[in-house]
Protein backbone atom coordinates (compact mmCIF):
# COMPACT_ATOMS: atom_id res chain seq x y z
CA MET A 1 122.64 53.28 74.18
CA THR A 2 123.11 54.94 77.55
CA PHE A 3 126.10 54.54 79.81
CA SER A 4 124.11 52.59 82.42
CA SER A 5 122.88 50.11 79.81
CA VAL A 6 126.47 49.57 78.63
CA ILE A 7 127.58 48.92 82.22
CA HIS A 8 124.68 46.49 82.71
CA TYR A 9 125.60 44.65 79.50
CA LEU A 10 129.26 44.38 80.53
CA SER A 11 128.32 43.01 83.96
CA GLU A 12 126.17 40.33 82.28
CA VAL A 13 129.05 39.40 79.96
CA GLN A 14 131.43 39.12 82.95
CA LYS A 15 128.91 36.88 84.72
CA ASP A 16 128.77 34.60 81.66
CA ILE A 17 132.57 34.44 81.53
CA ARG A 18 132.72 33.44 85.22
CA ILE A 19 130.20 30.66 84.55
CA LEU A 20 132.28 29.28 81.69
CA LYS A 21 135.54 29.43 83.68
CA ASN A 22 134.18 26.79 86.06
CA THR A 23 135.29 23.83 83.99
CA LEU A 24 136.80 20.41 84.53
CA LYS A 25 140.33 20.64 83.23
CA ASN A 26 142.46 17.57 83.86
CA SER A 27 141.95 13.85 83.36
CA SER A 28 141.76 13.08 87.08
CA GLU A 29 138.71 15.36 87.41
CA PHE A 30 137.08 13.73 84.38
CA GLY A 31 137.97 10.26 85.71
CA ARG A 32 136.39 10.96 89.08
CA VAL A 33 133.12 11.90 87.37
CA TYR A 34 133.28 8.89 85.01
CA ASN A 35 133.96 6.42 87.83
CA ASN A 36 131.62 7.81 90.50
CA GLY A 37 128.96 9.70 88.55
CA LYS A 38 125.69 8.59 87.05
CA SER A 39 125.26 8.58 83.27
CA TYR A 40 122.42 8.87 80.81
CA ALA A 41 122.62 9.02 77.03
CA ASN A 42 120.57 9.96 74.02
CA ARG A 43 121.25 10.00 70.29
CA LEU A 44 123.62 13.00 70.39
CA LEU A 45 125.13 13.20 73.89
CA ILE A 46 126.19 11.23 76.93
CA MET A 47 126.03 13.07 80.26
CA TYR A 48 127.71 12.12 83.52
CA VAL A 49 126.77 14.00 86.70
CA LEU A 50 128.40 13.93 90.15
CA ASN A 51 127.99 16.17 93.20
CA ASN A 52 131.17 18.19 93.79
CA GLY A 53 130.46 19.59 97.26
CA SER A 54 130.82 23.25 96.23
CA GLU A 55 128.42 26.04 95.37
CA LYS A 56 129.23 26.07 91.65
CA ASN A 57 128.58 23.78 88.73
CA ARG A 58 131.55 22.73 86.61
CA LEU A 59 131.32 21.55 83.01
CA GLY A 60 133.63 19.22 81.12
CA ILE A 61 133.22 18.47 77.41
CA SER A 62 134.73 15.57 75.49
CA CYS A 63 134.71 15.36 71.69
CA SER A 64 136.67 12.54 70.07
CA LYS A 65 137.95 12.38 66.51
CA LYS A 66 134.89 10.28 65.62
CA ILE A 67 132.93 13.56 65.61
CA GLY A 68 134.93 15.02 62.72
CA ASN A 69 137.92 17.24 62.06
CA SER A 70 139.03 19.93 64.49
CA VAL A 71 136.71 22.56 63.03
CA VAL A 72 133.68 20.33 63.61
CA ARG A 73 134.85 19.29 67.09
CA HIS A 74 135.34 22.91 68.17
CA ARG A 75 131.93 23.87 66.77
CA VAL A 76 130.29 21.04 68.72
CA THR A 77 132.15 22.11 71.87
CA ARG A 78 130.91 25.68 71.43
CA LEU A 79 127.32 24.47 70.94
CA ILE A 80 127.43 22.37 74.12
CA ARG A 81 129.05 25.19 76.10
CA GLU A 82 126.39 27.62 74.87
CA ALA A 83 123.58 25.22 75.82
CA PHE A 84 125.08 25.02 79.32
CA ARG A 85 125.58 28.78 79.59
CA LEU A 86 122.02 29.65 78.57
CA ASN A 87 120.43 27.03 80.83
CA CYS A 88 122.76 26.98 83.86
CA HIS A 89 120.34 29.08 85.92
CA MET A 90 117.89 26.14 85.76
CA PHE A 91 120.30 23.60 87.31
CA ASN A 92 120.87 22.64 90.91
CA SER A 93 124.22 23.88 92.21
CA GLY A 94 127.25 21.87 93.26
CA LEU A 95 127.51 19.53 90.26
CA ASP A 96 130.30 18.29 88.05
CA ILE A 97 128.82 17.65 84.60
CA VAL A 98 130.72 15.85 81.85
CA VAL A 99 129.17 15.84 78.38
CA ILE A 100 130.47 13.49 75.70
CA ALA A 101 129.51 14.18 72.11
CA ARG A 102 128.43 11.20 70.02
CA ALA A 103 129.23 10.57 66.37
CA GLY A 104 126.10 12.04 64.73
CA ILE A 105 126.29 15.42 66.42
CA GLY A 106 128.55 17.07 63.82
CA ARG A 107 125.69 17.59 61.39
CA THR A 108 123.21 19.08 63.86
CA GLY A 109 122.32 22.64 64.81
CA TYR A 110 122.09 24.47 68.11
CA ASN A 111 118.42 23.70 68.76
CA GLU A 112 118.95 19.95 68.52
CA VAL A 113 122.02 20.09 70.78
CA ASN A 114 120.17 22.27 73.30
CA ASN A 115 117.16 19.92 73.32
CA ALA A 116 119.42 16.88 73.79
CA PHE A 117 121.26 18.66 76.63
CA LEU A 118 118.01 19.59 78.41
CA HIS A 119 116.62 16.08 77.86
CA LEU A 120 119.62 14.55 79.66
CA ALA A 121 119.45 17.18 82.41
CA GLY A 122 115.83 16.17 82.96
CA LEU A 123 116.74 12.48 83.14
CA HIS A 124 119.39 13.31 85.75
CA LYS A 125 116.82 15.41 87.65
CA ILE A 126 119.27 18.31 87.97
CA ILE A 127 116.75 20.94 86.86
CA LYS A 128 115.47 23.03 89.77
CA ASP A 129 111.85 22.66 90.75
CA LYS A 130 109.67 25.63 89.82
CA GLU A 131 109.01 27.62 92.96
């Protein structure tokens, strides 16, 4: 591995970290999206979307105790966050996205969570048109 390839890899990792730092953090931000946003649901997820008036997308994830114990809830949160991270380049910018995990998600794998996430993004029409 050459020095330039290491530098390139580290810059990509930093870009991914910046994407994941754009999150909804407090209940007032979540409440604004719940009250004013549009929602769609499928078997595994519920997704609320609201324009935020900025250049960046922000993600909020909610997993209740119905999902399972803390290990399961954190695993589900990581799966949703990874689905967002790997597909965020496909989304329109300036959105607040809240994803709520539903009860059956604890027994699923990444591919099912990713497909459910992309399905809801398609229903919301937040995927960029192919140019």
